[in-house]
Structures are given as structure tokens and as C-alpha cells.
Amino acid sequence: MKLLLDPKKVLAVAVTALVLLFALWLVSPYFRIDARDAGAGKITSYRLFLGLMIMLGFIGKTLWDVLAPQGLAKKVSSVKAFALIALAILLTVFVVFTVARATAYYLDSSIAADDANYLP
């Protein structure tokens, strides 16, 4: 039994994986952020914004691919639909985690700056 792969599907999966890896690389500074990274805050903020927008766009695309064609075109298999929804949920959890981590970092750094300025 030979496994035949459609080149268009392989290309689509590869491009999607590359885009998600690029988005993951963009938000990667927030995995290990600390006080040493405070000087690059503006640059990492832009990276965080772009990476999260790519991930949110992918979540929307995934849910559209699963939910829209049910009545319009060919049916999506239940396994594929479940897998794509699970992936969308995991990405959503990751986005919320990353935003919470970035918010905690910025709040901690602003509290530390206020303490340095106003405490005797």
C-alpha cells in the first residue's frame, strides 16, 4: 500500500506550520522575560503584537474552515473538525497565557519604577 500525498495539501500544511512557527518565534521573548530585557521593551512589544495577531488570525481561519463549509460545500470529517477545534482552543489558551505573562511583566516593571521614585 503506497501513501500518495497531494502536493497542494502538503504545501498548505507546510506554509501553515511555518507561519505558526514564525508567530511562536515572535512571542518567544515572553517565555523568559526578566529585568534585563527592560531596555528592549518597545521592540518586544511590537513582536508580541505581531505574533499574537498572526495567532488570532489563524484561530479565526481555523474556525471558519471547520464551521463554514458544513452547509456550503463538502462535509468536513468529524475527526478533522475535532482536531482543528482542539488546535484553536490550544492556541487561544497560549495567546491568553502570553498576554497574561506580558501584562504581569509590564505591571511589575511599572510598580518597581514607582517604588524607586517615591519610596524614601
PDB file of N, CA and C in Angstrom:
ATOM      1  N   MET A   1       0.831  -1.168   0.000  1.00  0.00           N
ATOM      2  CA  MET A   1       0.000   0.000   0.000  1.00  0.00           C
ATOM      3  C   MET A   1       0.885   1.245   0.000  1.00  0.00           C
ATOM      4  N   LYS A   2       0.744   2.034  -1.016  1.00  0.00           N
ATOM      5  CA  LYS A   2       1.548   3.231  -1.173  1.00  0.00           C
ATOM      6  C   LYS A   2       0.768   4.453  -0.694  1.00  0.00           C
ATOM      7  N   LEU A   3       1.438   5.307   0.024  1.00  0.00           N
ATOM      8  CA  LEU A   3       0.815   6.519   0.536  1.00  0.00           C
ATOM      9  C   LEU A   3       1.067   7.650  -0.455  1.00  0.00           C
ATOM     10  N   LEU A   4       0.003   8.129  -1.083  1.00  0.00           N
ATOM     11  CA  LEU A   4       0.123   9.223  -2.041  1.00  0.00           C
ATOM     12  C   LEU A   4      -0.315  10.524  -1.376  1.00  0.00           C
ATOM     13  N   LEU A   5       0.540  11.519  -1.459  1.00  0.00           N
ATOM     14  CA  LEU A   5       0.241  12.810  -0.863  1.00  0.00           C
ATOM     15  C   LEU A   5      -0.027  13.827  -1.970  1.00  0.00           C
ATOM     16  N   ASP A   6      -1.050  14.611  -1.768  1.00  0.00           N
ATOM     17  CA  ASP A   6      -1.370  15.674  -2.708  1.00  0.00           C
ATOM     18  C   ASP A   6      -0.387  16.821  -2.490  1.00  0.00           C
ATOM     19  N   PRO A   7       0.366  17.228  -3.515  1.00  0.00           N
ATOM     20  CA  PRO A   7       1.371  18.293  -3.329  1.00  0.00           C
ATOM     21  C   PRO A   7       0.770  19.609  -2.837  1.00  0.00           C
ATOM     22  N   LYS A   8      -0.447  19.929  -3.248  1.00  0.00           N
ATOM     23  CA  LYS A   8      -1.067  21.179  -2.805  1.00  0.00           C
ATOM     24  C   LYS A   8      -1.374  21.142  -1.313  1.00  0.00           C
ATOM     25  N   LYS A   9      -1.841  19.989  -0.825  1.00  0.00           N
ATOM     26  CA  LYS A   9      -2.130  19.870   0.606  1.00  0.00           C
ATOM     27  C   LYS A   9      -0.849  19.893   1.432  1.00  0.00           C
ATOM     28  N   VAL A  10       0.187  19.244   0.926  1.00  0.00           N
ATOM     29  CA  VAL A  10       1.473  19.244   1.630  1.00  0.00           C
ATOM     30  C   VAL A  10       2.011  20.665   1.716  1.00  0.00           C
ATOM     31  N   LEU A  11       1.917  21.407   0.615  1.00  0.00           N
ATOM     32  CA  LEU A  11       2.377  22.791   0.614  1.00  0.00           C
ATOM     33  C   LEU A  11       1.562  23.647   1.587  1.00  0.00           C
ATOM     34  N   ALA A  12       0.250  23.470   1.613  1.00  0.00           N
ATOM     35  CA  ALA A  12      -0.598  24.245   2.519  1.00  0.00           C
ATOM     36  C   ALA A  12      -0.260  23.950   3.977  1.00  0.00           C
ATOM     37  N   VAL A  13      -0.058  22.694   4.312  1.00  0.00           N
ATOM     38  CA  VAL A  13       0.295  22.324   5.684  1.00  0.00           C
ATOM     39  C   VAL A  13       1.672  22.878   6.043  1.00  0.00           C
ATOM     40  N   ALA A  14       2.615  22.800   5.105  1.00  0.00           N
ATOM     41  CA  ALA A  14       3.960  23.305   5.375  1.00  0.00           C
ATOM     42  C   ALA A  14       3.961  24.819   5.587  1.00  0.00           C
ATOM     43  N   VAL A  15       3.237  25.549   4.762  1.00  0.00           N
ATOM     44  CA  VAL A  15       3.179  27.009   4.913  1.00  0.00           C
ATOM     45  C   VAL A  15       2.494  27.379   6.229  1.00  0.00           C
ATOM     46  N   THR A  16       1.421  26.679   6.573  1.00  0.00           N
ATOM     47  CA  THR A  16       0.740  26.940   7.844  1.00  0.00           C
ATOM     48  C   THR A  16       1.671  26.684   9.019  1.00  0.00           C
ATOM     49  N   ALA A  17       2.400  25.592   8.973  1.00  0.00           N
ATOM     50  CA  ALA A  17       3.344  25.280  10.048  1.00  0.00           C
ATOM     51  C   ALA A  17       4.434  26.346  10.144  1.00  0.00           C
ATOM     52  N   LEU A  18       4.936  26.804   9.005  1.00  0.00           N
ATOM     53  CA  LEU A  18       5.964  27.851   9.024  1.00  0.00           C
ATOM     54  C   LEU A  18       5.431  29.161   9.598  1.00  0.00           C
ATOM     55  N   VAL A  19       4.209  29.533   9.250  1.00  0.00           N
ATOM     56  CA  VAL A  19       3.624  30.767   9.775  1.00  0.00           C
ATOM     57  C   VAL A  19       3.439  30.659  11.294  1.00  0.00           C
ATOM     58  N   LEU A  20       2.963  29.511  11.758  1.00  0.00           N
ATOM     59  CA  LEU A  20       2.795  29.340  13.208  1.00  0.00           C
ATOM     60  C   LEU A  20       4.131  29.322  13.940  1.00  0.00           C
ATOM     61  N   LEU A  21       5.145  28.717  13.343  1.00  0.00           N
ATOM     62  CA  LEU A  21       6.474  28.739  13.960  1.00  0.00           C
ATOM     63  C   LEU A  21       7.037  30.162  13.987  1.00  0.00           C
ATOM     64  N   PHE A  22       6.788  30.944  12.934  1.00  0.00           N
ATOM     65  CA  PHE A  22       7.212  32.342  12.915  1.00  0.00           C
ATOM     66  C   PHE A  22       6.508  33.130  14.019  1.00  0.00           C
ATOM     67  N   ALA A  23       5.209  32.912  14.183  1.00  0.00           N
ATOM     68  CA  ALA A  23       4.470  33.589  15.248  1.00  0.00           C
ATOM     69  C   ALA A  23       4.987  33.167  16.616  1.00  0.00           C
ATOM     70  N   LEU A  24       5.308  31.895  16.773  1.00  0.00           N
ATOM     71  CA  LEU A  24       5.865  31.413  18.034  1.00  0.00           C
ATOM     72  C   LEU A  24       7.217  32.059  18.308  1.00  0.00           C
ATOM     73  N   TRP A  25       8.036  32.216  17.276  1.00  0.00           N
ATOM     74  CA  TRP A  25       9.320  32.887  17.435  1.00  0.00           C
ATOM     75  C   TRP A  25       9.115  34.350  17.835  1.00  0.00           C
ATOM     76  N   LEU A  26       8.096  34.995  17.269  1.00  0.00           N
ATOM     77  CA  LEU A  26       7.842  36.395  17.596  1.00  0.00           C
ATOM     78  C   LEU A  26       7.497  36.589  19.070  1.00  0.00           C
ATOM     79  N   VAL A  27       6.744  35.678  19.656  1.00  0.00           N
ATOM     80  CA  VAL A  27       6.358  35.838  21.063  1.00  0.00           C
ATOM     81  C   VAL A  27       7.323  35.147  22.019  1.00  0.00           C
ATOM     82  N   SER A  28       8.360  34.512  21.498  1.00  0.00           N
ATOM     83  CA  SER A  28       9.292  33.759  22.346  1.00  0.00           C
ATOM     84  C   SER A  28      10.019  34.590  23.400  1.00  0.00           C
ATOM     85  N   PRO A  29      10.284  35.891  23.213  1.00  0.00           N
ATOM     86  CA  PRO A  29      10.936  36.625  24.311  1.00  0.00           C
ATOM     87  C   PRO A  29      10.114  36.636  25.599  1.00  0.00           C
ATOM     88  N   TYR A  30       8.814  36.432  25.501  1.00  0.00           N
ATOM     89  CA  TYR A  30       7.974  36.472  26.696  1.00  0.00           C
ATOM     90  C   TYR A  30       7.969  35.149  27.455  1.00  0.00           C
ATOM     91  N   PHE A  31       8.684  34.154  26.962  1.00  0.00           N
ATOM     92  CA  PHE A  31       8.797  32.901  27.706  1.00  0.00           C
ATOM     93  C   PHE A  31       9.773  33.051  28.859  1.00  0.00           C
ATOM     94  N   ARG A  32      10.771  33.908  28.703  1.00  0.00           N
ATOM     95  CA  ARG A  32      11.829  34.026  29.694  1.00  0.00           C
ATOM     96  C   ARG A  32      12.185  35.479  29.980  1.00  0.00           C
ATOM     97  N   ILE A  33      11.205  36.338  30.018  1.00  0.00           N
ATOM     98  CA  ILE A  33      11.464  37.767  30.167  1.00  0.00           C
ATOM     99  C   ILE A  33      11.784  38.089  31.625  1.00  0.00           C
ATOM    100  N   ASP A  34      12.744  38.997  31.817  1.00  0.00           N
ATOM    101  CA  ASP A  34      13.100  39.439  33.160  1.00  0.00           C
ATOM    102  C   ASP A  34      13.588  40.887  33.097  1.00  0.00           C
ATOM    103  N   ALA A  35      14.155  41.378  34.165  1.00  0.00           N
ATOM    104  CA  ALA A  35      14.540  42.792  34.254  1.00  0.00           C
ATOM    105  C   ALA A  35      15.620  43.156  33.238  1.00  0.00           C
ATOM    106  N   ARG A  36      16.439  42.207  32.816  1.00  0.00           N
ATOM    107  CA  ARG A  36      17.488  42.518  31.843  1.00  0.00           C
ATOM    108  C   ARG A  36      16.912  42.918  30.495  1.00  0.00           C
ATOM    109  N   ASP A  37      15.702  42.493  30.204  1.00  0.00           N
ATOM    110  CA  ASP A  37      15.087  42.767  28.909  1.00  0.00           C
ATOM    111  C   ASP A  37      14.291  44.062  28.884  1.00  0.00           C
ATOM    112  N   ALA A  38      14.356  44.844  29.926  1.00  0.00           N
ATOM    113  CA  ALA A  38      13.545  46.061  30.001  1.00  0.00           C
ATOM    114  C   ALA A  38      13.926  47.076  28.926  1.00  0.00           C
ATOM    115  N   GLY A  39      15.191  47.124  28.539  1.00  0.00           N
ATOM    116  CA  GLY A  39      15.630  48.074  27.524  1.00  0.00           C
ATOM    117  C   GLY A  39      15.041  47.809  26.156  1.00  0.00           C
ATOM    118  N   ALA A  40      14.711  46.582  25.869  1.00  0.00           N
ATOM    119  CA  ALA A  40      14.159  46.221  24.565  1.00  0.00           C
ATOM    120  C   ALA A  40      12.637  46.115  24.615  1.00  0.00           C
ATOM    121  N   GLY A  41      12.013  46.780  25.560  1.00  0.00           N
ATOM    122  CA  GLY A  41      10.567  46.657  25.754  1.00  0.00           C
ATOM    123  C   GLY A  41       9.751  47.076  24.553  1.00  0.00           C
ATOM    124  N   LYS A  42      10.164  48.152  23.865  1.00  0.00           N
ATOM    125  CA  LYS A  42       9.392  48.620  22.721  1.00  0.00           C
ATOM    126  C   LYS A  42       9.468  47.622  21.571  1.00  0.00           C
ATOM    127  N   ILE A  43      10.641  47.088  21.312  1.00  0.00           N
ATOM    128  CA  ILE A  43      10.810  46.123  20.222  1.00  0.00           C
ATOM    129  C   ILE A  43      10.037  44.845  20.524  1.00  0.00           C
ATOM    130  N   THR A  44      10.152  44.356  21.748  1.00  0.00           N
ATOM    131  CA  THR A  44       9.438  43.121  22.073  1.00  0.00           C
ATOM    132  C   THR A  44       7.931  43.340  22.105  1.00  0.00           C
ATOM    133  N   SER A  45       7.490  44.570  22.378  1.00  0.00           N
ATOM    134  CA  SER A  45       6.052  44.846  22.329  1.00  0.00           C
ATOM    135  C   SER A  45       5.524  44.708  20.912  1.00  0.00           C
ATOM    136  N   TYR A  46       6.283  45.216  19.942  1.00  0.00           N
ATOM    137  CA  TYR A  46       5.868  45.060  18.546  1.00  0.00           C
ATOM    138  C   TYR A  46       5.884  43.599  18.127  1.00  0.00           C
ATOM    139  N   ARG A  47       6.901  42.881  18.566  1.00  0.00           N
ATOM    140  CA  ARG A  47       6.969  41.441  18.251  1.00  0.00           C
ATOM    141  C   ARG A  47       5.785  40.700  18.858  1.00  0.00           C
ATOM    142  N   LEU A  48       5.459  41.038  20.110  1.00  0.00           N
ATOM    143  CA  LEU A  48       4.340  40.390  20.776  1.00  0.00           C
ATOM    144  C   LEU A  48       3.043  40.681  20.029  1.00  0.00           C
ATOM    145  N   PHE A  49       2.823  41.931  19.660  1.00  0.00           N
ATOM    146  CA  PHE A  49       1.605  42.310  18.945  1.00  0.00           C
ATOM    147  C   PHE A  49       1.496  41.555  17.623  1.00  0.00           C
ATOM    148  N   LEU A  50       2.559  41.548  16.835  1.00  0.00           N
ATOM    149  CA  LEU A  50       2.515  40.877  15.537  1.00  0.00           C
ATOM    150  C   LEU A  50       2.314  39.374  15.694  1.00  0.00           C
ATOM    151  N   GLY A  51       3.029  38.767  16.620  1.00  0.00           N
ATOM    152  CA  GLY A  51       2.877  37.329  16.832  1.00  0.00           C
ATOM    153  C   GLY A  51       1.480  36.945  17.290  1.00  0.00           C
ATOM    154  N   LEU A  52       0.910  37.727  18.203  1.00  0.00           N
ATOM    155  CA  LEU A  52      -0.437  37.429  18.680  1.00  0.00           C
ATOM    156  C   LEU A  52      -1.486  37.667  17.592  1.00  0.00           C
ATOM    157  N   MET A  53      -1.289  38.673  16.751  1.00  0.00           N
ATOM    158  CA  MET A  53      -2.233  38.910  15.657  1.00  0.00           C
ATOM    159  C   MET A  53      -2.197  37.772  14.640  1.00  0.00           C
ATOM    160  N   ILE A  54      -1.016  37.245  14.368  1.00  0.00           N
ATOM    161  CA  ILE A  54      -0.916  36.096  13.464  1.00  0.00           C
ATOM    162  C   ILE A  54      -1.654  34.904  14.065  1.00  0.00           C
ATOM    163  N   MET A  55      -1.451  34.668  15.358  1.00  0.00           N
ATOM    164  CA  MET A  55      -2.121  33.532  16.001  1.00  0.00           C
ATOM    165  C   MET A  55      -3.632  33.725  16.054  1.00  0.00           C
ATOM    166  N   LEU A  56      -4.085  34.927  16.364  1.00  0.00           N
ATOM    167  CA  LEU A  56      -5.528  35.172  16.388  1.00  0.00           C
ATOM    168  C   LEU A  56      -6.138  35.033  14.993  1.00  0.00           C
ATOM    169  N   GLY A  57      -5.423  35.492  13.985  1.00  0.00           N
ATOM    170  CA  GLY A  57      -5.892  35.296  12.613  1.00  0.00           C
ATOM    171  C   GLY A  57      -5.969  33.833  12.247  1.00  0.00           C
ATOM    172  N   PHE A  58      -4.990  33.050  12.701  1.00  0.00           N
ATOM    173  CA  PHE A  58      -5.022  31.615  12.430  1.00  0.00           C
ATOM    174  C   PHE A  58      -6.185  30.940  13.144  1.00  0.00           C
ATOM    175  N   ILE A  59      -6.484  31.379  14.361  1.00  0.00           N
ATOM    176  CA  ILE A  59      -7.621  30.816  15.094  1.00  0.00           C
ATOM    177  C   ILE A  59      -8.915  31.095  14.335  1.00  0.00           C
ATOM    178  N   GLY A  60      -9.083  32.326  13.873  1.00  0.00           N
ATOM    179  CA  GLY A  60     -10.276  32.663  13.102  1.00  0.00           C
ATOM    180  C   GLY A  60     -10.376  31.874  11.813  1.00  0.00           C
ATOM    181  N   LYS A  61      -9.257  31.725  11.112  1.00  0.00           N
ATOM    182  CA  LYS A  61      -9.238  30.949   9.872  1.00  0.00           C
ATOM    183  C   LYS A  61      -9.584  29.483  10.141  1.00  0.00           C
ATOM    184  N   THR A  62      -9.040  28.945  11.205  1.00  0.00           N
ATOM    185  CA  THR A  62      -9.309  27.550  11.544  1.00  0.00           C
ATOM    186  C   THR A  62     -10.786  27.327  11.847  1.00  0.00           C
ATOM    187  N   LEU A  63     -11.343  28.190  12.665  1.00  0.00           N
ATOM    188  CA  LEU A  63     -12.761  28.023  12.996  1.00  0.00           C
ATOM    189  C   LEU A  63     -13.645  28.244  11.767  1.00  0.00           C
ATOM    190  N   TRP A  64     -13.279  29.154  10.897  1.00  0.00           N
ATOM    191  CA  TRP A  64     -14.041  29.359   9.664  1.00  0.00           C
ATOM    192  C   TRP A  64     -13.957  28.110   8.776  1.00  0.00           C
ATOM    193  N   ASP A  65     -12.761  27.533   8.655  1.00  0.00           N
ATOM    194  CA  ASP A  65     -12.600  26.333   7.832  1.00  0.00           C
ATOM    195  C   ASP A  65     -13.435  25.176   8.347  1.00  0.00           C
ATOM    196  N   VAL A  66     -13.602  25.101   9.654  1.00  0.00           N
ATOM    197  CA  VAL A  66     -14.355  23.996  10.234  1.00  0.00           C
ATOM    198  C   VAL A  66     -15.855  24.249  10.180  1.00  0.00           C
ATOM    199  N   LEU A  67     -16.285  25.435  10.520  1.00  0.00           N
ATOM    200  CA  LEU A  67     -17.707  25.697  10.696  1.00  0.00           C
ATOM    201  C   LEU A  67     -18.417  26.150   9.421  1.00  0.00           C
ATOM    202  N   ALA A  68     -17.750  26.888   8.547  1.00  0.00           N
ATOM    203  CA  ALA A  68     -18.422  27.456   7.375  1.00  0.00           C
ATOM    204  C   ALA A  68     -18.828  26.424   6.331  1.00  0.00           C
ATOM    205  N   PRO A  69     -17.988  25.460   5.976  1.00  0.00           N
ATOM    206  CA  PRO A  69     -18.360  24.596   4.856  1.00  0.00           C
ATOM    207  C   PRO A  69     -19.406  23.532   5.177  1.00  0.00           C
ATOM    208  N   GLN A  70     -19.888  23.489   6.390  1.00  0.00           N
ATOM    209  CA  GLN A  70     -20.810  22.417   6.748  1.00  0.00           C
ATOM    210  C   GLN A  70     -22.059  22.420   5.866  1.00  0.00           C
ATOM    211  N   GLY A  71     -22.579  23.576   5.511  1.00  0.00           N
ATOM    212  CA  GLY A  71     -23.768  23.603   4.678  1.00  0.00           C
ATOM    213  C   GLY A  71     -23.482  24.072   3.275  1.00  0.00           C
ATOM    214  N   LEU A  72     -22.280  24.561   2.999  1.00  0.00           N
ATOM    215  CA  LEU A  72     -21.980  25.170   1.712  1.00  0.00           C
ATOM    216  C   LEU A  72     -21.255  24.251   0.743  1.00  0.00           C
ATOM    217  N   ALA A  73     -20.360  23.469   1.238  1.00  0.00           N
ATOM    218  CA  ALA A  73     -19.508  22.663   0.358  1.00  0.00           C
ATOM    219  C   ALA A  73     -19.420  21.250   0.904  1.00  0.00           C
ATOM    220  N   LYS A  74     -18.314  20.592   0.586  1.00  0.00           N
ATOM    221  CA  LYS A  74     -18.160  19.222   1.075  1.00  0.00           C
ATOM    222  C   LYS A  74     -18.084  19.197   2.594  1.00  0.00           C
ATOM    223  N   LYS A  75     -18.547  18.150   3.156  1.00  0.00           N
ATOM    224  CA  LYS A  75     -18.559  17.994   4.612  1.00  0.00           C
ATOM    225  C   LYS A  75     -17.136  17.790   5.130  1.00  0.00           C
ATOM    226  N   VAL A  76     -16.889  18.336   6.304  1.00  0.00           N
ATOM    227  CA  VAL A  76     -15.616  18.147   6.982  1.00  0.00           C
ATOM    228  C   VAL A  76     -15.779  16.949   7.905  1.00  0.00           C
ATOM    229  N   SER A  77     -14.808  16.057   7.898  1.00  0.00           N
ATOM    230  CA  SER A  77     -14.913  14.870   8.742  1.00  0.00           C
ATOM    231  C   SER A  77     -14.927  15.277  10.212  1.00  0.00           C
ATOM    232  N   SER A  78     -15.560  14.471  11.015  1.00  0.00           N
ATOM    233  CA  SER A  78     -15.662  14.770  12.449  1.00  0.00           C
ATOM    234  C   SER A  78     -14.303  14.800  13.122  1.00  0.00           C
ATOM    235  N   VAL A  79     -13.413  13.912  12.704  1.00  0.00           N
ATOM    236  CA  VAL A  79     -12.080  13.861  13.300  1.00  0.00           C
ATOM    237  C   VAL A  79     -11.313  15.136  12.970  1.00  0.00           C
ATOM    238  N   LYS A  80     -11.383  15.564  11.702  1.00  0.00           N
ATOM    239  CA  LYS A  80     -10.684  16.786  11.301  1.00  0.00           C
ATOM    240  C   LYS A  80     -11.278  17.992  12.023  1.00  0.00           C
ATOM    241  N   ALA A  81     -12.585  18.049  12.120  1.00  0.00           N
ATOM    242  CA  ALA A  81     -13.235  19.165  12.802  1.00  0.00           C
ATOM    243  C   ALA A  81     -12.821  19.206  14.272  1.00  0.00           C
ATOM    244  N   PHE A  82     -12.818  18.060  14.931  1.00  0.00           N
ATOM    245  CA  PHE A  82     -12.415  17.997  16.333  1.00  0.00           C
ATOM    246  C   PHE A  82     -10.958  18.410  16.496  1.00  0.00           C
ATOM    247  N   ALA A  83     -10.086  17.940  15.612  1.00  0.00           N
ATOM    248  CA  ALA A  83      -8.660  18.272  15.705  1.00  0.00           C
ATOM    249  C   ALA A  83      -8.434  19.766  15.498  1.00  0.00           C
ATOM    250  N   LEU A  84      -9.116  20.360  14.542  1.00  0.00           N
ATOM    251  CA  LEU A  84      -8.933  21.788  14.287  1.00  0.00           C
ATOM    252  C   LEU A  84      -9.490  22.637  15.419  1.00  0.00           C
ATOM    253  N   ILE A  85     -10.607  22.231  15.980  1.00  0.00           N
ATOM    254  CA  ILE A  85     -11.161  22.979  17.114  1.00  0.00           C
ATOM    255  C   ILE A  85     -10.253  22.835  18.338  1.00  0.00           C
ATOM    256  N   ALA A  86      -9.700  21.652  18.553  1.00  0.00           N
ATOM    257  CA  ALA A  86      -8.760  21.457  19.663  1.00  0.00           C
ATOM    258  C   ALA A  86      -7.518  22.324  19.467  1.00  0.00           C
ATOM    259  N   LEU A  87      -7.021  22.406  18.233  1.00  0.00           N
ATOM    260  CA  LEU A  87      -5.873  23.262  17.948  1.00  0.00           C
ATOM    261  C   LEU A  87      -6.216  24.726  18.193  1.00  0.00           C
ATOM    262  N   ALA A  88      -7.395  25.151  17.790  1.00  0.00           N
ATOM    263  CA  ALA A  88      -7.817  26.534  18.022  1.00  0.00           C
ATOM    264  C   ALA A  88      -7.917  26.832  19.514  1.00  0.00           C
ATOM    265  N   ILE A  89      -8.419  25.882  20.284  1.00  0.00           N
ATOM    266  CA  ILE A  89      -8.517  26.077  21.737  1.00  0.00           C
ATOM    267  C   ILE A  89      -7.134  26.168  22.364  1.00  0.00           C
ATOM    268  N   LEU A  90      -6.207  25.299  21.927  1.00  0.00           N
ATOM    269  CA  LEU A  90      -4.838  25.354  22.449  1.00  0.00           C
ATOM    270  C   LEU A  90      -4.169  26.678  22.104  1.00  0.00           C
ATOM    271  N   LEU A  91      -4.363  27.155  20.884  1.00  0.00           N
ATOM    272  CA  LEU A  91      -3.784  28.437  20.507  1.00  0.00           C
ATOM    273  C   LEU A  91      -4.393  29.580  21.309  1.00  0.00           C
ATOM    274  N   THR A  92      -5.689  29.511  21.565  1.00  0.00           N
ATOM    275  CA  THR A  92      -6.346  30.544  22.363  1.00  0.00           C
ATOM    276  C   THR A  92      -5.793  30.557  23.785  1.00  0.00           C
ATOM    277  N   VAL A  93      -5.615  29.393  24.373  1.00  0.00           N
ATOM    278  CA  VAL A  93      -5.017  29.304  25.712  1.00  0.00           C
ATOM    279  C   VAL A  93      -3.602  29.868  25.696  1.00  0.00           C
ATOM    280  N   PHE A  94      -2.841  29.563  24.655  1.00  0.00           N
ATOM    281  CA  PHE A  94      -1.475  30.077  24.545  1.00  0.00           C
ATOM    282  C   PHE A  94      -1.479  31.599  24.423  1.00  0.00           C
ATOM    283  N   VAL A  95      -2.397  32.151  23.632  1.00  0.00           N
ATOM    284  CA  VAL A  95      -2.487  33.608  23.476  1.00  0.00           C
ATOM    285  C   VAL A  95      -2.835  34.255  24.817  1.00  0.00           C
ATOM    286  N   VAL A  96      -3.801  33.700  25.531  1.00  0.00           N
ATOM    287  CA  VAL A  96      -4.180  34.253  26.834  1.00  0.00           C
ATOM    288  C   VAL A  96      -3.007  34.165  27.814  1.00  0.00           C
ATOM    289  N   PHE A  97      -2.288  33.052  27.824  1.00  0.00           N
ATOM    290  CA  PHE A  97      -1.119  32.892  28.689  1.00  0.00           C
ATOM    291  C   PHE A  97      -0.055  33.937  28.360  1.00  0.00           C
ATOM    292  N   THR A  98       0.217  34.146  27.081  1.00  0.00           N
ATOM    293  CA  THR A  98       1.244  35.094  26.675  1.00  0.00           C
ATOM    294  C   THR A  98       0.853  36.524  27.036  1.00  0.00           C
ATOM    295  N   VAL A  99      -0.400  36.879  26.824  1.00  0.00           N
ATOM    296  CA  VAL A  99      -0.863  38.219  27.193  1.00  0.00           C
ATOM    297  C   VAL A  99      -0.793  38.412  28.707  1.00  0.00           C
ATOM    298  N   ALA A 100      -1.170  37.400  29.470  1.00  0.00           N
ATOM    299  CA  ALA A 100      -1.104  37.499  30.930  1.00  0.00           C
ATOM    300  C   ALA A 100       0.339  37.651  31.397  1.00  0.00           C
ATOM    301  N   ARG A 101       1.231  36.911  30.776  1.00  0.00           N
ATOM    302  CA  ARG A 101       2.653  36.997  31.148  1.00  0.00           C
ATOM    303  C   ARG A 101       3.216  38.375  30.819  1.00  0.00           C
ATOM    304  N   ALA A 102       2.890  38.893  29.643  1.00  0.00           N
ATOM    305  CA  ALA A 102       3.376  40.220  29.258  1.00  0.00           C
ATOM    306  C   ALA A 102       2.786  41.298  30.159  1.00  0.00           C
ATOM    307  N   THR A 103       1.509  41.182  30.479  1.00  0.00           N
ATOM    308  CA  THR A 103       0.871  42.155  31.363  1.00  0.00           C
ATOM    309  C   THR A 103       1.500  42.125  32.750  1.00  0.00           C
ATOM    310  N   ALA A 104       1.749  40.941  33.272  1.00  0.00           N
ATOM    311  CA  ALA A 104       2.387  40.825  34.585  1.00  0.00           C
ATOM    312  C   ALA A 104       3.781  41.441  34.570  1.00  0.00           C
ATOM    313  N   TYR A 105       4.526  41.223  33.482  1.00  0.00           N
ATOM    314  CA  TYR A 105       5.864  41.820  33.386  1.00  0.00           C
ATOM    315  C   TYR A 105       5.790  43.340  33.381  1.00  0.00           C
ATOM    316  N   TYR A 106       4.911  43.896  32.563  1.00  0.00           N
ATOM    317  CA  TYR A 106       4.814  45.349  32.488  1.00  0.00           C
ATOM    318  C   TYR A 106       4.293  45.956  33.789  1.00  0.00           C
ATOM    319  N   LEU A 107       3.365  45.290  34.458  1.00  0.00           N
ATOM    320  CA  LEU A 107       2.889  45.792  35.747  1.00  0.00           C
ATOM    321  C   LEU A 107       3.988  45.737  36.799  1.00  0.00           C
ATOM    322  N   ASP A 108       4.743  44.635  36.825  1.00  0.00           N
ATOM    323  CA  ASP A 108       5.849  44.527  37.779  1.00  0.00           C
ATOM    324  C   ASP A 108       6.906  45.595  37.528  1.00  0.00           C
ATOM    325  N   SER A 109       7.231  45.833  36.267  1.00  0.00           N
ATOM    326  CA  SER A 109       8.257  46.832  35.965  1.00  0.00           C
ATOM    327  C   SER A 109       7.774  48.243  36.293  1.00  0.00           C
ATOM    328  N   SER A 110       6.487  48.526  36.070  1.00  0.00           N
ATOM    329  CA  SER A 110       5.989  49.867  36.407  1.00  0.00           C
ATOM    330  C   SER A 110       5.880  50.043  37.919  1.00  0.00           C
ATOM    331  N   ILE A 111       5.531  49.002  38.644  1.00  0.00           N
ATOM    332  CA  ILE A 111       5.497  49.080  40.113  1.00  0.00           C
ATOM    333  C   ILE A 111       6.902  49.288  40.656  1.00  0.00           C
ATOM    334  N   ALA A 112       7.875  48.595  40.079  1.00  0.00           N
ATOM    335  CA  ALA A 112       9.259  48.771  40.520  1.00  0.00           C
ATOM    336  C   ALA A 112       9.745  50.187  40.236  1.00  0.00           C
ATOM    337  N   ALA A 113       9.361  50.746  39.087  1.00  0.00           N
ATOM    338  CA  ALA A 113       9.757  52.124  38.772  1.00  0.00           C
ATOM    339  C   ALA A 113       9.107  53.111  39.728  1.00  0.00           C
ATOM    340  N   ASP A 114       7.835  52.901  40.062  1.00  0.00           N
ATOM    341  CA  ASP A 114       7.161  53.779  41.015  1.00  0.00           C
ATOM    342  C   ASP A 114       7.783  53.672  42.407  1.00  0.00           C
ATOM    343  N   ASP A 115       8.131  52.463  42.813  1.00  0.00           N
ATOM    344  CA  ASP A 115       8.764  52.282  44.115  1.00  0.00           C
ATOM    345  C   ASP A 115      10.108  52.997  44.169  1.00  0.00           C
ATOM    346  N   ALA A 116      10.864  52.932  43.086  1.00  0.00           N
ATOM    347  CA  ALA A 116      12.179  53.593  43.059  1.00  0.00           C
ATOM    348  C   ALA A 116      12.030  55.108  43.114  1.00  0.00           C
ATOM    349  N   ASN A 117      10.974  55.630  42.542  1.00  0.00           N
ATOM    350  CA  ASN A 117      10.798  57.095  42.512  1.00  0.00           C
ATOM    351  C   ASN A 117      10.174  57.665  43.773  1.00  0.00           C
ATOM    352  N   TYR A 118       9.321  56.911  44.442  1.00  0.00           N
ATOM    353  CA  TYR A 118       8.530  57.501  45.533  1.00  0.00           C
ATOM    354  C   TYR A 118       8.840  56.975  46.917  1.00  0.00           C
ATOM    355  N   LEU A 119       9.537  55.903  47.047  1.00  0.00           N
ATOM    356  CA  LEU A 119       9.890  55.414  48.376  1.00  0.00           C
ATOM    357  C   LEU A 119      11.154  56.088  48.867  1.00  0.00           C
ATOM    358  N   PRO A 120      11.220  56.423  50.166  1.00  0.00           N
ATOM    359  CA  PRO A 120      12.429  57.089  50.695  1.00  0.00           C
ATOM    360  C   PRO A 120      13.631  56.166  50.755  1.00  0.00           C
TER     361      PRO A 120
END
